[in-house]
Amino acid sequence: MEKPKHHLFVCASFRVKGDPKGVCHKKSGGFLQYLEDEISGRGLDAQVSATGCLKQCDHGPVMVVYPQGVWYGGLDGEEALDAVLDSLEEGGVCEKYLLA
């Protein structure tokens, strides 16, 4: 298996003791499936993984894109996800949702 060009890590809000915290898991219903469908439909060389809490609860839902190491927050709908995926296709960064 070849490594994908992009790996998207999506916060699922779970912490060590297993208790969901923060807002990512509450606001990201259907998030993973939408990303998977869009990546496939766009022909992007990318993989999606759910993670434990990324500890950016004030900015959730949160996603990190590697290998670029770019953190995105406030991804509260398809429009936001599309903007991030558009930037991946173009080889850039989506400034609107970028976490500093």
C-alpha atoms as a PDB file:
ATOM      1  CA  MET A   1       0.000   0.000   0.000  1.00  0.00           C
ATOM      2  CA  GLU A   2       1.313   3.404  -0.934  1.00  0.00           C
ATOM      3  CA  LYS A   3       1.125   6.258   1.532  1.00  0.00           C
ATOM      4  CA  PRO A   4      -1.489   8.866   0.606  1.00  0.00           C
ATOM      5  CA  LYS A   5      -0.379  12.362  -0.315  1.00  0.00           C
ATOM      6  CA  HIS A   6      -2.610  13.821   2.431  1.00  0.00           C
ATOM      7  CA  HIS A   7      -3.792  12.388   5.737  1.00  0.00           C
ATOM      8  CA  LEU A   8      -6.722  14.165   7.390  1.00  0.00           C
ATOM      9  CA  PHE A   9      -7.038  13.667  11.144  1.00  0.00           C
ATOM     10  CA  VAL A  10     -10.509  14.575  12.421  1.00  0.00           C
ATOM     11  CA  CYS A  11     -11.048  15.192  16.127  1.00  0.00           C
ATOM     12  CA  ALA A  12     -13.575  12.794  17.651  1.00  0.00           C
ATOM     13  CA  SER A  13     -13.323  14.382  21.128  1.00  0.00           C
ATOM     14  CA  PHE A  14     -12.428  11.228  23.038  1.00  0.00           C
ATOM     15  CA  ARG A  15      -9.904  11.478  25.840  1.00  0.00           C
ATOM     16  CA  VAL A  16      -7.842   8.875  27.668  1.00  0.00           C
ATOM     17  CA  LYS A  17     -10.596   7.840  30.061  1.00  0.00           C
ATOM     18  CA  GLY A  18     -13.010   7.472  27.128  1.00  0.00           C
ATOM     19  CA  ASP A  19     -15.311  10.331  28.067  1.00  0.00           C
ATOM     20  CA  PRO A  20     -16.334  12.535  25.156  1.00  0.00           C
ATOM     21  CA  LYS A  21     -15.472  16.174  25.777  1.00  0.00           C
ATOM     22  CA  GLY A  22     -15.537  19.356  23.783  1.00  0.00           C
ATOM     23  CA  VAL A  23     -17.618  20.086  20.738  1.00  0.00           C
ATOM     24  CA  CYS A  24     -16.060  18.183  17.863  1.00  0.00           C
ATOM     25  CA  HIS A  25     -18.065  14.988  18.356  1.00  0.00           C
ATOM     26  CA  LYS A  26     -21.264  17.005  18.840  1.00  0.00           C
ATOM     27  CA  LYS A  27     -20.907  19.160  15.730  1.00  0.00           C
ATOM     28  CA  SER A  28     -19.371  16.720  13.290  1.00  0.00           C
ATOM     29  CA  GLY A  29     -22.181  14.247  12.622  1.00  0.00           C
ATOM     30  CA  GLY A  30     -21.691  12.759   9.169  1.00  0.00           C
ATOM     31  CA  PHE A  31     -18.356  14.582   8.920  1.00  0.00           C
ATOM     32  CA  LEU A  32     -16.208  11.509   8.273  1.00  0.00           C
ATOM     33  CA  GLN A  33     -18.533   9.998   5.695  1.00  0.00           C
ATOM     34  CA  TYR A  34     -18.831  13.309   3.858  1.00  0.00           C
ATOM     35  CA  LEU A  35     -15.035  13.650   3.719  1.00  0.00           C
ATOM     36  CA  GLU A  36     -14.627  10.080   2.485  1.00  0.00           C
ATOM     37  CA  ASP A  37     -17.238  10.600  -0.230  1.00  0.00           C
ATOM     38  CA  GLU A  38     -15.751  13.924  -1.350  1.00  0.00           C
ATOM     39  CA  ILE A  39     -12.191  12.593  -1.405  1.00  0.00           C
ATOM     40  CA  SER A  40     -13.299   9.675  -3.538  1.00  0.00           C
ATOM     41  CA  GLY A  41     -15.460  11.840  -5.817  1.00  0.00           C
ATOM     42  CA  ARG A  42     -12.698  14.389  -6.336  1.00  0.00           C
ATOM     43  CA  GLY A  43     -10.038  11.741  -6.886  1.00  0.00           C
ATOM     44  CA  LEU A  44      -7.868  13.156  -4.096  1.00  0.00           C
ATOM     45  CA  ASP A  45      -4.982  11.039  -2.856  1.00  0.00           C
ATOM     46  CA  ALA A  46      -5.997  11.309   0.794  1.00  0.00           C
ATOM     47  CA  GLN A  47      -6.982   9.248   3.798  1.00  0.00           C
ATOM     48  CA  VAL A  48      -9.246  10.212   6.714  1.00  0.00           C
ATOM     49  CA  SER A  49      -8.792   9.085  10.318  1.00  0.00           C
ATOM     50  CA  ALA A  50     -10.759   9.906  13.474  1.00  0.00           C
ATOM     51  CA  THR A  51      -8.570  10.834  16.447  1.00  0.00           C
ATOM     52  CA  GLY A  52      -8.823  11.310  20.147  1.00  0.00           C
ATOM     53  CA  CYS A  53      -9.242  14.834  21.470  1.00  0.00           C
ATOM     54  CA  LEU A  54      -6.919  17.331  19.779  1.00  0.00           C
ATOM     55  CA  LYS A  55      -7.413  19.738  22.705  1.00  0.00           C
ATOM     56  CA  GLN A  56      -8.647  22.633  20.574  1.00  0.00           C
ATOM     57  CA  CYS A  57     -12.208  22.517  21.912  1.00  0.00           C
ATOM     58  CA  ASP A  58     -12.747  26.273  21.581  1.00  0.00           C
ATOM     59  CA  HIS A  59     -12.189  25.933  17.828  1.00  0.00           C
ATOM     60  CA  GLY A  60     -14.059  22.715  17.072  1.00  0.00           C
ATOM     61  CA  PRO A  61     -14.720  20.828  14.990  1.00  0.00           C
ATOM     62  CA  VAL A  62     -11.001  20.519  14.278  1.00  0.00           C
ATOM     63  CA  MET A  63      -9.026  18.726  11.573  1.00  0.00           C
ATOM     64  CA  VAL A  64      -5.279  18.435  10.961  1.00  0.00           C
ATOM     65  CA  VAL A  65      -3.857  17.773   7.502  1.00  0.00           C
ATOM     66  CA  TYR A  66      -0.532  15.967   7.191  1.00  0.00           C
ATOM     67  CA  PRO A  67       2.197  15.938   6.046  1.00  0.00           C
ATOM     68  CA  GLN A  68       1.663  19.691   5.806  1.00  0.00           C
ATOM     69  CA  GLY A  69       0.844  19.963   9.530  1.00  0.00           C
ATOM     70  CA  VAL A  70      -1.977  22.423   8.877  1.00  0.00           C
ATOM     71  CA  TRP A  71      -4.643  22.763  11.597  1.00  0.00           C
ATOM     72  CA  TYR A  72      -8.184  23.816  10.717  1.00  0.00           C
ATOM     73  CA  GLY A  73     -11.011  24.763  13.075  1.00  0.00           C
ATOM     74  CA  GLY A  74     -14.620  25.863  12.940  1.00  0.00           C
ATOM     75  CA  LEU A  75     -15.400  23.196  10.366  1.00  0.00           C
ATOM     76  CA  ASP A  76     -19.086  23.167  11.113  1.00  0.00           C
ATOM     77  CA  GLY A  77     -20.557  22.164   7.769  1.00  0.00           C
ATOM     78  CA  GLU A  78     -20.101  20.953   4.232  1.00  0.00           C
ATOM     79  CA  GLU A  79     -19.174  24.436   3.000  1.00  0.00           C
ATOM     80  CA  ALA A  80     -16.197  24.534   5.377  1.00  0.00           C
ATOM     81  CA  LEU A  81     -15.092  21.026   4.449  1.00  0.00           C
ATOM     82  CA  ASP A  82     -15.391  21.823   0.754  1.00  0.00           C
ATOM     83  CA  ALA A  83     -13.211  24.922   1.218  1.00  0.00           C
ATOM     84  CA  VAL A  84     -10.478  22.831   2.869  1.00  0.00           C
ATOM     85  CA  LEU A  85     -10.682  20.130   0.205  1.00  0.00           C
ATOM     86  CA  ASP A  86     -10.606  22.778  -2.540  1.00  0.00           C
ATOM     87  CA  SER A  87      -7.379  24.127  -1.046  1.00  0.00           C
ATOM     88  CA  LEU A  88      -5.862  20.627  -0.988  1.00  0.00           C
ATOM     89  CA  GLU A  89      -6.703  20.196  -4.664  1.00  0.00           C
ATOM     90  CA  GLU A  90      -5.071  23.547  -5.425  1.00  0.00           C
ATOM     91  CA  GLY A  91      -1.990  22.767  -3.327  1.00  0.00           C
ATOM     92  CA  GLY A  92      -2.619  25.611  -0.880  1.00  0.00           C
ATOM     93  CA  VAL A  93      -4.017  26.367   2.540  1.00  0.00           C
ATOM     94  CA  CYS A  94      -7.573  27.439   3.334  1.00  0.00           C
ATOM     95  CA  GLU A  95      -6.927  30.650   5.269  1.00  0.00           C
ATOM     96  CA  LYS A  96     -10.553  31.067   6.360  1.00  0.00           C
ATOM     97  CA  TYR A  97     -10.475  28.033   8.678  1.00  0.00           C
ATOM     98  CA  LEU A  98      -6.760  28.022   9.512  1.00  0.00           C
ATOM     99  CA  LEU A  99      -5.840  27.823  13.193  1.00  0.00           C
ATOM    100  CA  ALA A 100      -2.781  29.910  14.057  1.00  0.00           C
END
